[in-house]
Amino acid sequence: MFAVEVRDHIMIAHSFKGDLFGPAQNLHGATFVVDVAFFRETLTVDNVVVDIGRAHEALKKTLAPLNYQNLDTLPQFAGQLTTTEFLCKHIFDTMAAAARNGALGPGGEGISRIKVSLHESHVARAWYEGAL
């Protein structure tokens, strides 16, 4: 299996409801390093997994509406706990759509899996991985 991974970051604010979250029930900030890996069984005719430039642009476009935002106030997340795991799936869905609609360029349609990792710190991360 071949893979290419692109990276960016976002700075957000949010809060959680429920005793499970302890002090994170209060509004707090987070800076996430975001990695998106694209997988395929065979390389394209150009011997790549995906156009790295287009993949990075798709990631930037996906993250832009979240960056420097209080996620508690965004309509698309109304009523949701915007946990790291939840955000991984949200980013996965948007990147999967980019692969399906041609935003990743020629060969993007051959991507078989995507893995989205959000690094909360140097000691904690979460991810969502799924087939396309």
Protein backbone atom coordinates (compact mmCIF):
# COMPACT_ATOMS: atom_id res chain seq x y z
CA MET A 1 0.00 0.00 0.00
CA PHE A 2 1.37 3.40 -1.01
CA ALA A 3 0.68 6.52 1.04
CA VAL A 4 1.28 10.27 1.00
CA GLU A 5 0.58 12.51 3.97
CA VAL A 6 0.09 16.27 4.17
CA ARG A 7 0.09 18.42 7.30
CA ASP A 8 -1.33 21.72 8.52
CA HIS A 9 -2.63 23.09 11.81
CA ILE A 10 -5.59 24.92 13.30
CA MET A 11 -6.17 26.99 16.41
CA ILE A 12 -9.65 26.72 17.86
CA ALA A 13 -11.64 27.36 21.02
CA HIS A 14 -14.43 25.16 22.37
CA SER A 15 -15.98 23.76 25.53
CA PHE A 16 -17.59 20.49 26.52
CA LYS A 17 -20.61 19.50 28.57
CA GLY A 18 -20.47 16.62 31.05
CA ASP A 19 -18.48 15.54 34.07
CA LEU A 20 -16.26 13.33 31.90
CA PHE A 21 -14.56 16.46 30.59
CA GLY A 22 -13.60 17.99 33.97
CA PRO A 23 -12.00 21.42 33.49
CA ALA A 24 -12.47 21.19 29.70
CA GLN A 25 -16.12 22.02 30.35
CA ASN A 26 -14.91 25.62 30.43
CA LEU A 27 -14.07 27.44 27.24
CA HIS A 28 -10.48 26.60 26.31
CA GLY A 29 -8.19 26.80 23.32
CA ALA A 30 -6.45 24.09 21.37
CA THR A 31 -3.87 24.03 18.63
CA PHE A 32 -4.13 20.87 16.56
CA VAL A 33 -1.52 19.58 14.14
CA VAL A 34 -3.57 17.91 11.41
CA ASP A 35 -2.19 15.08 9.27
CA VAL A 36 -4.11 13.60 6.35
CA ALA A 37 -2.76 10.42 4.75
CA PHE A 38 -3.97 9.16 1.38
CA PHE A 39 -3.59 5.46 0.52
CA ARG A 40 -3.74 3.52 -2.72
CA GLU A 41 -2.75 0.06 -3.92
CA THR A 42 -0.93 1.22 -7.06
CA LEU A 43 0.63 4.47 -8.14
CA THR A 44 -0.95 6.73 -10.75
CA VAL A 45 0.40 6.87 -14.31
CA ASP A 46 2.65 9.68 -12.99
CA ASN A 47 3.99 7.37 -10.24
CA VAL A 48 2.41 9.28 -7.36
CA VAL A 49 -0.29 8.57 -4.80
CA VAL A 50 -1.86 12.00 -5.19
CA ASP A 51 -0.84 15.49 -6.21
CA ILE A 52 0.70 16.71 -2.93
CA GLY A 53 0.08 20.37 -3.77
CA ARG A 54 -3.61 19.80 -4.44
CA ALA A 55 -3.94 17.61 -1.36
CA HIS A 56 -2.42 20.33 0.78
CA GLU A 57 -4.68 22.97 -0.77
CA ALA A 58 -7.73 20.77 -0.10
CA LEU A 59 -6.64 20.43 3.53
CA LYS A 60 -6.15 24.20 3.87
CA LYS A 61 -9.61 24.78 2.41
CA THR A 62 -11.10 22.22 4.80
CA LEU A 63 -9.47 23.77 7.86
CA ALA A 64 -10.02 27.46 6.99
CA PRO A 65 -13.62 27.65 8.33
CA LEU A 66 -12.43 26.20 11.67
CA ASN A 67 -9.21 28.12 12.19
CA TYR A 68 -9.34 30.83 14.89
CA GLN A 69 -13.00 30.01 15.57
CA ASN A 70 -14.96 29.19 18.69
CA LEU A 71 -16.45 25.88 17.55
CA ASP A 72 -19.26 26.27 20.11
CA THR A 73 -20.69 29.09 17.95
CA LEU A 74 -20.50 27.44 14.51
CA PRO A 75 -23.93 26.38 13.17
CA GLN A 76 -22.59 23.17 11.62
CA PHE A 77 -21.57 21.96 15.09
CA ALA A 78 -24.70 23.02 17.00
CA GLY A 79 -25.45 20.49 19.73
CA GLN A 80 -22.22 18.54 19.12
CA LEU A 81 -19.30 17.87 21.42
CA THR A 82 -16.41 18.91 19.19
CA THR A 83 -13.98 16.36 20.60
CA THR A 84 -10.75 15.59 18.81
CA GLU A 85 -12.27 12.35 17.54
CA PHE A 86 -15.36 14.17 16.24
CA LEU A 87 -13.18 16.72 14.42
CA CYS A 88 -11.16 13.90 12.82
CA LYS A 89 -14.34 12.50 11.26
CA HIS A 90 -15.51 15.96 10.15
CA ILE A 91 -12.19 16.57 8.38
CA PHE A 92 -12.22 13.03 6.94
CA ASP A 93 -15.67 13.57 5.40
CA THR A 94 -14.58 16.82 3.76
CA MET A 95 -11.32 15.35 2.44
CA ALA A 96 -13.14 12.26 1.15
CA ALA A 97 -15.51 14.55 -0.74
CA ALA A 98 -12.50 16.36 -2.21
CA ALA A 99 -11.12 13.03 -3.44
CA ARG A 100 -14.48 12.06 -4.96
CA ASN A 101 -15.14 15.42 -6.68
CA GLY A 102 -11.75 15.73 -8.39
CA ALA A 103 -10.25 18.42 -6.13
CA LEU A 104 -7.14 16.27 -5.65
CA GLY A 105 -6.47 16.19 -9.39
CA PRO A 106 -5.96 13.33 -11.81
CA GLY A 107 -5.56 10.05 -9.96
CA GLY A 108 -7.42 11.26 -6.89
CA GLU A 109 -10.26 8.92 -7.76
CA GLY A 110 -7.93 5.95 -7.13
CA ILE A 111 -7.42 6.72 -3.46
CA SER A 112 -8.73 3.77 -1.45
CA ARG A 113 -8.37 5.05 2.13
CA ILE A 114 -7.83 8.28 4.04
CA LYS A 115 -6.54 8.65 7.59
CA VAL A 116 -6.98 11.95 9.47
CA SER A 117 -4.93 12.46 12.64
CA LEU A 118 -5.24 15.39 15.03
CA HIS A 119 -2.35 15.85 17.42
CA GLU A 120 -3.48 17.62 20.60
CA SER A 121 0.04 17.67 21.97
CA HIS A 122 3.28 15.74 21.77
CA VAL A 123 1.72 13.04 23.97
CA ALA A 124 -1.87 12.72 22.67
CA ARG A 125 -3.55 12.31 19.30
CA ALA A 126 -6.69 10.85 17.80
CA TRP A 127 -7.55 9.73 14.30
CA TYR A 128 -10.27 8.53 11.99
CA GLU A 129 -9.48 6.22 9.10
CA GLY A 130 -11.86 4.91 6.50
CA ALA A 131 -12.26 3.50 3.03
CA LEU A 132 -13.51 5.59 0.13
